[in-house]
Amino acid sequence: MVKAKTRQILEECIETGVEFGYNRAHKYGDTPKPQQIFEEIENAIWLEIDARFDFELEHIRDLLHELVEGFDHLKTERNERNERNKCNQHPDAPHGMDRSASLNLNRYVCECESWEPEDDA
């Protein structure tokens, strides 16, 4: 009997979905809103899962419950991060993804986080 490594396949679906969704969110501009990034990633993950699995009704409920809990956890983390890392409201503050800082900190970093207004004096 051959048995698939479900967890490994799901991890691959999630990794591929995150990359594809992130890139899709940035397809038409370098500064998508965080909510748009999250939604594109979530949709891409589901597309990957749907492409690799045929669900039997008795098993789908448990799997979906586990996945929804995971997404709820991600949403909670994102909301907590957004509270800690609010964008600078100064009218001259630059907004957009600071790619190197985002890669180094493993989270979305807006350019305005490290920006300080110039003194006019």
Protein backbone atom coordinates (compact mmCIF):
# COMPACT_ATOMS: atom_id res chain seq x y z
CA MET A 1 0.00 0.00 0.00
CA VAL A 2 1.27 3.46 -0.90
CA LYS A 3 0.45 6.35 1.40
CA ALA A 4 1.07 10.00 0.55
CA LYS A 5 2.99 12.20 2.94
CA THR A 6 0.09 14.58 3.48
CA ARG A 7 1.88 17.00 5.76
CA GLN A 8 4.82 17.35 3.34
CA ILE A 9 2.44 17.91 0.42
CA LEU A 10 0.50 20.53 2.43
CA GLU A 11 3.74 22.28 3.38
CA GLU A 12 4.70 22.42 -0.30
CA CYS A 13 1.23 23.77 -1.16
CA ILE A 14 1.57 26.46 1.50
CA GLU A 15 5.13 27.45 0.50
CA THR A 16 4.20 27.61 -3.19
CA GLY A 17 0.97 29.45 -2.40
CA VAL A 18 2.74 32.03 -0.22
CA GLU A 19 5.30 32.76 -2.94
CA PHE A 20 2.74 32.84 -5.75
CA GLY A 21 0.23 34.93 -3.75
CA TYR A 22 2.89 37.41 -2.63
CA ASN A 23 4.10 37.86 -6.22
CA ARG A 24 0.53 38.16 -7.48
CA ALA A 25 -0.23 40.88 -4.93
CA HIS A 26 2.75 42.83 -6.30
CA LYS A 27 1.88 42.16 -9.97
CA TYR A 28 0.40 45.58 -10.70
CA GLY A 29 2.33 47.71 -8.24
CA ASP A 30 5.09 47.67 -5.66
CA THR A 31 2.88 48.87 -2.80
CA PRO A 32 -0.18 46.67 -2.36
CA LYS A 33 -2.08 47.01 0.89
CA PRO A 34 -1.26 44.36 3.53
CA GLN A 35 -4.84 43.04 3.36
CA GLN A 36 -4.48 42.54 -0.41
CA ILE A 37 -1.21 40.64 0.13
CA PHE A 38 -2.84 38.39 2.73
CA GLU A 39 -5.87 37.67 0.53
CA GLU A 40 -3.74 36.83 -2.52
CA ILE A 41 -1.59 34.49 -0.43
CA GLU A 42 -4.63 32.78 1.11
CA ASN A 43 -6.26 32.30 -2.32
CA ALA A 44 -3.07 30.92 -3.84
CA ILE A 45 -2.63 28.42 -0.99
CA TRP A 46 -6.20 27.17 -1.49
CA LEU A 47 -5.60 26.84 -5.25
CA GLU A 48 -2.49 24.74 -4.58
CA ILE A 49 -4.37 22.52 -2.11
CA ASP A 50 -7.32 22.09 -4.48
CA ALA A 51 -4.94 21.12 -7.30
CA ARG A 52 -3.30 18.34 -5.25
CA PHE A 53 -6.13 16.87 -3.18
CA ASP A 54 -9.49 15.24 -3.80
CA PHE A 55 -11.28 15.42 -0.49
CA GLU A 56 -13.60 12.77 0.87
CA LEU A 57 -16.41 14.35 2.84
CA GLU A 58 -15.62 12.63 6.14
CA HIS A 59 -12.02 13.91 6.15
CA ILE A 60 -12.53 17.37 4.74
CA ARG A 61 -14.15 18.79 7.90
CA ASP A 62 -11.13 18.02 10.09
CA LEU A 63 -8.62 19.26 7.53
CA LEU A 64 -10.54 22.47 6.87
CA HIS A 65 -10.92 23.10 10.59
CA GLU A 66 -7.14 22.75 11.03
CA LEU A 67 -6.43 25.02 8.06
CA VAL A 68 -8.91 27.67 9.21
CA GLU A 69 -7.31 27.65 12.66
CA GLY A 70 -3.94 28.19 10.97
CA PHE A 71 -5.28 31.11 8.92
CA ASP A 72 -6.91 32.60 12.02
CA HIS A 73 -3.53 32.38 13.75
CA LEU A 74 -1.88 34.14 10.79
CA LYS A 75 -4.55 36.87 10.83
CA THR A 76 -4.05 37.38 14.57
CA GLU A 77 -0.27 37.61 14.11
CA ARG A 78 -0.71 40.03 11.20
CA ASN A 79 -3.08 42.24 13.22
CA GLU A 80 -0.67 42.27 16.17
CA ARG A 81 2.22 43.16 13.82
CA ASN A 82 0.14 45.91 12.22
CA GLU A 83 -0.57 47.38 15.66
CA ARG A 84 3.15 47.38 16.48
CA ASN A 85 4.30 48.61 13.06
CA LYS A 86 1.82 51.26 12.03
CA CYS A 87 2.76 53.38 9.09
CA ASN A 88 4.07 56.86 9.71
CA GLN A 89 1.18 59.29 9.14
CA HIS A 90 3.40 62.22 8.13
CA PRO A 91 2.24 63.52 4.70
CA ASP A 92 5.77 63.27 3.24
CA ALA A 93 6.46 59.76 4.56
CA PRO A 94 7.36 57.29 1.79
CA HIS A 95 5.28 54.14 1.63
CA GLY A 96 6.20 50.93 -0.06
CA MET A 97 7.91 47.70 0.75
CA ASP A 98 11.44 47.94 2.10
CA ARG A 99 12.54 44.66 0.51
CA SER A 100 15.88 44.18 2.26
CA ALA A 101 14.45 44.99 5.70
CA SER A 102 11.45 42.72 5.02
CA LEU A 103 13.77 39.86 4.11
CA ASN A 104 16.01 40.45 7.12
CA LEU A 105 13.12 40.73 9.60
CA ASN A 106 10.97 38.06 7.92
CA ARG A 107 7.93 40.37 7.88
CA TYR A 108 6.54 43.18 5.76
CA VAL A 109 8.45 46.40 6.46
CA CYS A 110 7.18 49.69 5.08
CA GLU A 111 9.75 52.28 3.96
CA CYS A 112 8.20 54.79 6.37
CA GLU A 113 9.31 52.74 9.42
CA SER A 114 12.89 53.98 9.07
CA TRP A 115 12.02 57.42 7.64
CA GLU A 116 12.38 60.62 9.66
CA PRO A 117 11.13 64.03 8.45
CA GLU A 118 13.81 66.55 7.58
CA ASP A 119 14.15 69.60 9.81
CA ASP A 120 13.21 72.77 7.91
CA ALA A 121 15.41 74.90 10.14
